């Protein structure tokens, strides 16, 4: 993370002072995942679930996010199941779903890195971008 120190001159009559506001390179930033290359689904509601083991999709996810698709992509600000911003990193299975409000159904996709088998995705940065073509319908 590139951080710059900002110096503010505060005038408090009759005292002058400096306040330094800075940020650290703390890796506990919250996670955002963007799914790109979504064709023909603008304004559709969608969701993402992060699992430590996608072989058991019926288990609880460790993080989730929801949003509307716009211009072929959607950004998910991930939260844990308690509603706190999720700051996890490591290898996880990702399930992505698009809701069709016309018939109230979901089309779900699982991360496969473009293949047929479910794969782990390594989340190592606060902002992650994955193309929909790296998923297959699940």
N, C-alpha and C. Protein backbone atom coordinates (compact mmCIF):
# COMPACT_ATOMS: atom_id res chain seq x y z
N UNK A 1 0.86 -1.16 0.00
CA UNK A 1 0.00 0.00 0.00
C UNK A 1 0.90 1.22 0.00
N UNK A 2 0.67 2.13 -0.90
CA UNK A 2 1.42 3.37 -0.92
C UNK A 2 0.76 4.33 0.03
N UNK A 3 1.53 4.82 0.98
CA UNK A 3 0.98 5.75 1.95
C UNK A 3 1.78 7.04 1.89
N UNK A 4 1.11 8.11 2.08
CA UNK A 4 1.74 9.41 2.14
C UNK A 4 1.30 10.08 3.42
N UNK A 5 2.23 10.74 4.05
CA UNK A 5 1.87 11.47 5.25
C UNK A 5 1.27 12.80 4.86
N UNK A 6 0.28 13.19 5.59
CA UNK A 6 -0.40 14.45 5.34
C UNK A 6 -0.21 15.31 6.58
N UNK A 7 0.29 16.50 6.37
CA UNK A 7 0.48 17.42 7.47
C UNK A 7 -0.60 18.49 7.41
N UNK A 8 -1.25 18.69 8.50
CA UNK A 8 -2.29 19.70 8.58
C UNK A 8 -1.86 20.76 9.57
N UNK A 9 -1.96 21.96 9.15
CA UNK A 9 -1.68 23.07 10.04
C UNK A 9 -2.98 23.50 10.66
N UNK A 10 -3.04 23.41 11.96
CA UNK A 10 -4.26 23.76 12.67
C UNK A 10 -4.02 25.05 13.43
N UNK A 11 -4.90 25.96 13.22
CA UNK A 11 -4.83 27.24 13.91
C UNK A 11 -5.90 27.24 14.99
N UNK A 12 -5.45 27.14 16.20
CA UNK A 12 -6.36 27.25 17.33
C UNK A 12 -5.88 28.46 18.11
N UNK A 13 -6.69 29.45 18.13
CA UNK A 13 -6.26 30.72 18.72
C UNK A 13 -6.10 30.54 20.22
N UNK A 14 -4.98 30.87 20.76
CA UNK A 14 -3.77 31.42 20.17
C UNK A 14 -2.69 30.37 19.95
N UNK A 15 -3.04 29.05 19.90
CA UNK A 15 -2.02 28.01 19.80
C UNK A 15 -1.94 27.51 18.36
N UNK A 16 -0.70 27.33 17.86
CA UNK A 16 -0.46 26.73 16.57
C UNK A 16 0.01 25.29 16.80
N UNK A 17 -0.38 24.40 15.94
CA UNK A 17 0.09 23.03 16.11
C UNK A 17 0.07 22.27 14.80
N UNK A 18 0.77 21.16 14.78
CA UNK A 18 0.81 20.27 13.62
C UNK A 18 0.22 18.92 14.03
N UNK A 19 -0.57 18.36 13.15
CA UNK A 19 -1.08 17.01 13.36
C UNK A 19 -0.62 16.19 12.17
N UNK A 20 -0.08 15.03 12.43
CA UNK A 20 0.35 14.13 11.37
C UNK A 20 -0.66 13.00 11.26
N UNK A 21 -1.19 12.82 10.07
CA UNK A 21 -2.09 11.70 9.80
C UNK A 21 -1.33 10.79 8.85
N UNK A 22 -1.17 9.56 9.25
CA UNK A 22 -0.45 8.63 8.38
C UNK A 22 -1.13 7.28 8.42
N UNK A 23 -0.79 6.43 7.47
CA UNK A 23 -1.32 5.08 7.45
C UNK A 23 -0.15 4.12 7.41
N UNK A 24 -0.39 2.93 7.88
CA UNK A 24 0.68 1.94 7.90
C UNK A 24 0.46 0.96 6.76
N UNK A 25 1.40 0.07 6.58
CA UNK A 25 1.28 -0.98 5.58
C UNK A 25 0.67 -2.23 6.20
N UNK A 26 -0.29 -2.05 7.08
CA UNK A 26 -0.98 -3.13 7.75
C UNK A 26 -1.72 -3.96 6.70
N UNK A 27 -1.58 -5.27 6.75
CA UNK A 27 -2.21 -6.14 5.75
C UNK A 27 -3.63 -6.52 6.14
N UNK A 28 -4.18 -5.95 7.18
CA UNK A 28 -5.52 -6.33 7.60
C UNK A 28 -6.59 -5.48 6.91
N UNK A 29 -6.37 -5.15 5.65
CA UNK A 29 -7.37 -4.41 4.88
C UNK A 29 -8.51 -5.35 4.54
N UNK A 30 -9.69 -4.80 4.37
CA UNK A 30 -10.83 -5.61 3.98
C UNK A 30 -10.67 -6.06 2.54
N UNK A 31 -11.41 -7.12 2.17
CA UNK A 31 -11.29 -7.70 0.84
C UNK A 31 -12.44 -7.30 -0.07
N UNK A 32 -12.08 -7.00 -1.31
CA UNK A 32 -13.05 -6.74 -2.38
C UNK A 32 -12.72 -7.70 -3.52
N UNK A 33 -13.72 -8.42 -3.99
CA UNK A 33 -13.55 -9.27 -5.17
C UNK A 33 -14.45 -8.72 -6.26
N UNK A 34 -13.87 -8.55 -7.45
CA UNK A 34 -14.61 -8.10 -8.63
C UNK A 34 -14.68 -9.25 -9.63
N UNK A 35 -15.87 -9.58 -10.05
CA UNK A 35 -16.07 -10.56 -11.12
C UNK A 35 -16.33 -9.77 -12.40
N UNK A 36 -15.56 -10.05 -13.45
CA UNK A 36 -15.64 -9.31 -14.71
C UNK A 36 -16.14 -10.22 -15.84
N UNK A 37 -16.34 -9.63 -17.00
CA UNK A 37 -16.74 -10.33 -18.23
C UNK A 37 -18.09 -11.05 -18.09
N UNK A 38 -19.03 -10.39 -17.41
CA UNK A 38 -20.39 -10.93 -17.28
C UNK A 38 -21.22 -10.31 -18.39
N UNK A 39 -21.68 -11.13 -19.32
CA UNK A 39 -22.36 -10.64 -20.51
C UNK A 39 -23.88 -10.75 -20.36
N UNK A 40 -24.60 -9.67 -20.71
CA UNK A 40 -26.05 -9.69 -20.77
C UNK A 40 -26.77 -9.77 -19.44
N UNK A 41 -26.12 -9.38 -18.37
CA UNK A 41 -26.75 -9.49 -17.05
C UNK A 41 -26.71 -8.18 -16.27
N UNK A 42 -26.64 -7.04 -16.93
CA UNK A 42 -26.62 -5.77 -16.20
C UNK A 42 -27.86 -5.62 -15.34
N UNK A 43 -27.68 -5.07 -14.17
CA UNK A 43 -28.71 -4.81 -13.17
C UNK A 43 -29.26 -6.07 -12.52
N UNK A 44 -28.61 -7.21 -12.72
CA UNK A 44 -29.01 -8.42 -12.02
C UNK A 44 -28.35 -8.42 -10.65
N UNK A 45 -29.09 -8.91 -9.64
CA UNK A 45 -28.56 -9.08 -8.29
C UNK A 45 -27.64 -10.31 -8.29
N UNK A 46 -26.53 -10.23 -7.58
CA UNK A 46 -25.61 -11.36 -7.54
C UNK A 46 -24.98 -11.48 -6.16
N UNK A 47 -24.40 -12.63 -5.92
CA UNK A 47 -23.77 -12.86 -4.63
C UNK A 47 -22.54 -13.74 -4.78
N UNK A 48 -21.68 -13.66 -3.80
CA UNK A 48 -20.48 -14.47 -3.79
C UNK A 48 -20.30 -15.06 -2.40
N UNK A 49 -19.91 -16.32 -2.36
CA UNK A 49 -19.64 -17.01 -1.10
C UNK A 49 -18.22 -17.55 -1.14
N UNK A 50 -17.51 -17.40 -0.04
CA UNK A 50 -16.14 -17.88 0.08
C UNK A 50 -16.15 -19.06 1.05
N UNK A 51 -15.65 -20.21 0.60
CA UNK A 51 -15.63 -21.43 1.41
C UNK A 51 -14.19 -21.89 1.61
N UNK A 52 -13.94 -22.46 2.77
CA UNK A 52 -12.64 -23.09 2.97
C UNK A 52 -12.64 -24.48 2.34
N UNK A 53 -13.83 -25.03 2.08
CA UNK A 53 -13.94 -26.35 1.45
C UNK A 53 -15.20 -26.40 0.60
N UNK A 54 -15.06 -26.19 -0.71
CA UNK A 54 -16.23 -26.16 -1.59
C UNK A 54 -16.75 -27.56 -1.89
N UNK A 55 -16.02 -28.60 -1.48
CA UNK A 55 -16.55 -29.94 -1.68
C UNK A 55 -17.75 -30.19 -0.79
N UNK A 56 -17.96 -29.30 0.19
CA UNK A 56 -19.14 -29.36 1.04
C UNK A 56 -19.83 -28.00 0.97
N UNK A 57 -20.49 -27.72 -0.15
CA UNK A 57 -21.16 -26.44 -0.37
C UNK A 57 -22.27 -26.23 0.66
N UNK A 58 -22.75 -27.30 1.27
CA UNK A 58 -23.81 -27.16 2.28
C UNK A 58 -23.28 -26.63 3.61
N UNK A 59 -21.96 -26.54 3.75
CA UNK A 59 -21.40 -25.96 4.97
C UNK A 59 -21.52 -24.44 4.90
N UNK A 60 -21.32 -23.81 6.03
CA UNK A 60 -21.40 -22.35 6.07
C UNK A 60 -20.18 -21.74 5.40
N UNK A 61 -20.38 -20.69 4.61
CA UNK A 61 -19.23 -19.99 4.04
C UNK A 61 -18.52 -19.21 5.14
N UNK A 62 -17.30 -18.80 4.88
CA UNK A 62 -16.58 -17.98 5.86
C UNK A 62 -16.71 -16.50 5.54
N UNK A 63 -17.11 -16.19 4.30
CA UNK A 63 -17.31 -14.79 3.90
C UNK A 63 -18.32 -14.74 2.77
N UNK A 64 -18.96 -13.56 2.62
CA UNK A 64 -19.98 -13.39 1.59
C UNK A 64 -20.05 -11.93 1.16
N UNK A 65 -20.63 -11.72 -0.01
CA UNK A 65 -20.85 -10.36 -0.49
C UNK A 65 -21.97 -10.37 -1.52
N UNK A 66 -22.62 -9.22 -1.69
CA UNK A 66 -23.76 -9.11 -2.62
C UNK A 66 -23.68 -7.78 -3.35
N UNK A 67 -24.19 -7.75 -4.58
CA UNK A 67 -24.20 -6.51 -5.34
C UNK A 67 -24.87 -6.68 -6.68
N UNK A 68 -25.09 -5.55 -7.34
CA UNK A 68 -25.70 -5.54 -8.67
C UNK A 68 -24.62 -5.51 -9.74
N UNK A 69 -24.86 -6.24 -10.81
CA UNK A 69 -23.95 -6.26 -11.95
C UNK A 69 -24.15 -4.98 -12.74
N UNK A 70 -23.06 -4.33 -13.09
CA UNK A 70 -23.10 -3.08 -13.86
C UNK A 70 -21.96 -3.08 -14.86
N UNK A 71 -22.28 -2.80 -16.12
CA UNK A 71 -21.28 -2.75 -17.18
C UNK A 71 -20.42 -4.01 -17.23
N UNK A 72 -21.05 -5.16 -17.02
CA UNK A 72 -20.36 -6.44 -17.17
C UNK A 72 -19.50 -6.87 -16.01
N UNK A 73 -19.61 -6.18 -14.87
CA UNK A 73 -18.84 -6.61 -13.70
C UNK A 73 -19.60 -6.27 -12.42
N UNK A 74 -19.15 -6.86 -11.33
CA UNK A 74 -19.74 -6.60 -10.02
C UNK A 74 -18.63 -6.62 -8.98
N UNK A 75 -18.70 -5.67 -8.04
CA UNK A 75 -17.74 -5.60 -6.93
C UNK A 75 -18.42 -6.11 -5.67
N UNK A 76 -17.72 -6.97 -4.95
CA UNK A 76 -18.23 -7.49 -3.69
C UNK A 76 -17.31 -7.07 -2.55
N UNK A 77 -17.86 -6.33 -1.62
CA UNK A 77 -17.18 -6.02 -0.37
C UNK A 77 -17.49 -7.18 0.56
N UNK A 78 -16.47 -7.97 0.89
CA UNK A 78 -16.71 -9.21 1.62
C UNK A 78 -16.86 -8.97 3.12
N UNK A 79 -17.82 -9.69 3.70
CA UNK A 79 -18.06 -9.66 5.14
C UNK A 79 -18.07 -11.08 5.67
N UNK A 80 -17.68 -11.25 6.93
CA UNK A 80 -17.83 -12.56 7.55
C UNK A 80 -19.30 -12.75 7.94
N UNK A 81 -19.62 -13.89 8.52
CA UNK A 81 -21.02 -14.18 8.82
C UNK A 81 -21.58 -13.36 9.97
N UNK A 82 -20.72 -12.62 10.66
CA UNK A 82 -21.16 -11.72 11.74
C UNK A 82 -21.34 -10.29 11.25
N UNK A 83 -21.13 -10.06 9.94
CA UNK A 83 -21.29 -8.73 9.38
C UNK A 83 -20.07 -7.85 9.47
N UNK A 84 -18.93 -8.41 9.89
CA UNK A 84 -17.69 -7.65 9.95
C UNK A 84 -16.96 -7.74 8.62
N UNK A 85 -16.25 -6.69 8.25
CA UNK A 85 -15.47 -6.73 7.02
C UNK A 85 -14.46 -7.86 7.12
N UNK A 86 -14.38 -8.65 6.04
CA UNK A 86 -13.52 -9.83 6.03
C UNK A 86 -12.14 -9.45 5.54
N UNK A 87 -11.12 -9.86 6.26
CA UNK A 87 -9.74 -9.51 5.93
C UNK A 87 -8.90 -10.75 5.65
N UNK A 88 -9.54 -11.85 5.29
CA UNK A 88 -8.83 -13.10 5.11
C UNK A 88 -7.91 -13.13 3.90
N UNK A 89 -6.96 -14.03 3.97
CA UNK A 89 -6.09 -14.31 2.83
C UNK A 89 -5.77 -15.80 2.87
N UNK A 90 -5.41 -16.32 1.72
CA UNK A 90 -5.13 -17.74 1.62
C UNK A 90 -5.89 -18.34 0.45
N UNK A 91 -5.98 -19.66 0.41
CA UNK A 91 -6.64 -20.36 -0.69
C UNK A 91 -8.04 -20.79 -0.29
N UNK A 92 -9.00 -20.43 -1.13
CA UNK A 92 -10.41 -20.67 -0.84
C UNK A 92 -11.14 -21.09 -2.10
N UNK A 93 -12.28 -21.74 -1.90
CA UNK A 93 -13.20 -22.02 -3.00
C UNK A 93 -14.19 -20.87 -3.08
N UNK A 94 -14.56 -20.51 -4.31
CA UNK A 94 -15.45 -19.37 -4.53
C UNK A 94 -16.68 -19.82 -5.30
N UNK A 95 -17.84 -19.50 -4.76
CA UNK A 95 -19.12 -19.75 -5.42
C UNK A 95 -19.74 -18.40 -5.74
N UNK A 96 -20.09 -18.19 -7.00
CA UNK A 96 -20.66 -16.94 -7.48
C UNK A 96 -22.04 -17.23 -8.04
N UNK A 97 -23.03 -16.41 -7.71
CA UNK A 97 -24.38 -16.64 -8.20
C UNK A 97 -25.01 -15.39 -8.77
N UNK A 98 -25.83 -15.59 -9.81
CA UNK A 98 -26.58 -14.49 -10.43
C UNK A 98 -28.06 -14.81 -10.28
N UNK A 99 -28.81 -13.86 -9.73
CA UNK A 99 -30.24 -14.06 -9.49
C UNK A 99 -31.05 -13.58 -10.69
N UNK A 100 -31.98 -14.42 -11.13
CA UNK A 100 -32.91 -14.05 -12.20
C UNK A 100 -34.24 -13.76 -11.53
N UNK A 101 -34.59 -12.48 -11.46
CA UNK A 101 -35.83 -12.09 -10.77
C UNK A 101 -37.09 -12.47 -11.55
N UNK A 102 -36.95 -12.75 -12.86
CA UNK A 102 -38.12 -13.13 -13.65
C UNK A 102 -38.72 -14.45 -13.17
N UNK A 103 -37.87 -15.39 -12.79
CA UNK A 103 -38.38 -16.69 -12.32
C UNK A 103 -37.84 -17.05 -10.93
N UNK A 104 -37.22 -16.08 -10.26
CA UNK A 104 -36.72 -16.23 -8.89
C UNK A 104 -35.80 -17.44 -8.73
N UNK A 105 -34.86 -17.57 -9.67
CA UNK A 105 -33.88 -18.65 -9.60
C UNK A 105 -32.46 -18.06 -9.61
N UNK A 106 -31.52 -18.86 -9.19
CA UNK A 106 -30.11 -18.47 -9.20
C UNK A 106 -29.36 -19.36 -10.18
N UNK A 107 -28.45 -18.76 -10.95
CA UNK A 107 -27.48 -19.51 -11.73
C UNK A 107 -26.17 -19.40 -10.97
N UNK A 108 -25.65 -20.54 -10.54
CA UNK A 108 -24.44 -20.55 -9.72
C UNK A 108 -23.23 -21.00 -10.51
N UNK A 109 -22.11 -20.43 -10.16
CA UNK A 109 -20.83 -20.74 -10.80
C UNK A 109 -19.80 -21.01 -9.71
N UNK A 110 -18.90 -21.93 -9.97
CA UNK A 110 -17.84 -22.23 -9.03
C UNK A 110 -16.50 -21.98 -9.72
N UNK A 111 -15.52 -21.50 -8.96
CA UNK A 111 -14.20 -21.20 -9.53
C UNK A 111 -13.49 -22.50 -9.92
N UNK A 112 -13.04 -22.55 -11.18
CA UNK A 112 -12.32 -23.72 -11.71
C UNK A 112 -11.03 -23.34 -12.43
N UNK A 113 -10.70 -22.06 -12.45
CA UNK A 113 -9.57 -21.53 -13.22
C UNK A 113 -9.71 -21.87 -14.71
N UNK A 114 -10.94 -21.93 -15.19
CA UNK A 114 -11.20 -22.17 -16.60
C UNK A 114 -11.32 -23.64 -16.97
N UNK A 115 -11.13 -24.53 -16.03
CA UNK A 115 -11.23 -25.97 -16.30
C UNK A 115 -12.58 -26.52 -15.86
N UNK A 116 -12.61 -27.82 -15.59
CA UNK A 116 -13.86 -28.45 -15.18
C UNK A 116 -13.88 -28.79 -13.69
N UNK A 117 -12.74 -28.91 -13.06
CA UNK A 117 -12.68 -29.27 -11.64
C UNK A 117 -12.63 -28.03 -10.76
N UNK A 118 -13.27 -28.14 -9.60
CA UNK A 118 -13.25 -27.05 -8.63
C UNK A 118 -11.81 -26.82 -8.17
N UNK A 119 -11.40 -25.57 -8.15
CA UNK A 119 -10.03 -25.21 -7.75
C UNK A 119 -10.09 -24.20 -6.60
N UNK A 120 -9.02 -24.19 -5.83
CA UNK A 120 -8.84 -23.14 -4.85
C UNK A 120 -8.36 -21.88 -5.54
N UNK A 121 -8.81 -20.74 -5.07
CA UNK A 121 -8.30 -19.45 -5.55
C UNK A 121 -7.53 -18.81 -4.41
N UNK A 122 -6.31 -18.38 -4.70
CA UNK A 122 -5.49 -17.76 -3.66
C UNK A 122 -5.79 -16.27 -3.57
N UNK A 123 -6.34 -15.86 -2.44
CA UNK A 123 -6.60 -14.45 -2.18
C UNK A 123 -5.41 -13.91 -1.40
N UNK A 124 -4.68 -12.99 -2.03
CA UNK A 124 -3.49 -12.45 -1.37
C UNK A 124 -3.48 -10.93 -1.34
N UNK A 125 -4.37 -10.31 -2.09
CA UNK A 125 -4.44 -8.85 -2.12
C UNK A 125 -5.81 -8.40 -1.64
N UNK A 126 -5.88 -7.16 -1.19
CA UNK A 126 -7.15 -6.61 -0.71
C UNK A 126 -8.16 -6.52 -1.85
N UNK A 127 -7.70 -6.29 -3.07
CA UNK A 127 -8.59 -6.19 -4.23
C UNK A 127 -8.22 -7.30 -5.20
N UNK A 128 -9.21 -8.13 -5.53
CA UNK A 128 -9.00 -9.27 -6.41
C UNK A 128 -9.98 -9.17 -7.57
N UNK A 129 -9.50 -9.40 -8.78
CA UNK A 129 -10.36 -9.39 -9.97
C UNK A 129 -10.28 -10.73 -10.66
N UNK A 130 -11.45 -11.34 -10.92
CA UNK A 130 -11.51 -12.65 -11.56
C UNK A 130 -12.53 -12.58 -12.69
N UNK A 131 -12.15 -13.09 -13.85
CA UNK A 131 -13.06 -13.13 -14.99
C UNK A 131 -14.05 -14.29 -14.83
N UNK A 132 -15.28 -14.07 -15.26
CA UNK A 132 -16.30 -15.12 -15.18
C UNK A 132 -15.89 -16.36 -15.96
N UNK A 133 -15.03 -16.22 -16.98
CA UNK A 133 -14.63 -17.40 -17.74
C UNK A 133 -13.69 -18.32 -16.95
N UNK A 134 -13.33 -17.92 -15.73
CA UNK A 134 -12.55 -18.78 -14.83
C UNK A 134 -13.47 -19.62 -13.94
N UNK A 135 -14.78 -19.49 -14.14
CA UNK A 135 -15.78 -20.23 -13.40
C UNK A 135 -16.53 -21.17 -14.34
N UNK A 136 -17.17 -22.20 -13.80
CA UNK A 136 -18.09 -23.01 -14.58
C UNK A 136 -19.41 -23.08 -13.83
N UNK A 137 -20.48 -23.31 -14.59
CA UNK A 137 -21.79 -23.40 -13.96
C UNK A 137 -21.79 -24.58 -12.99
N UNK A 138 -22.41 -24.37 -11.86
CA UNK A 138 -22.41 -25.39 -10.79
C UNK A 138 -23.82 -25.82 -10.48
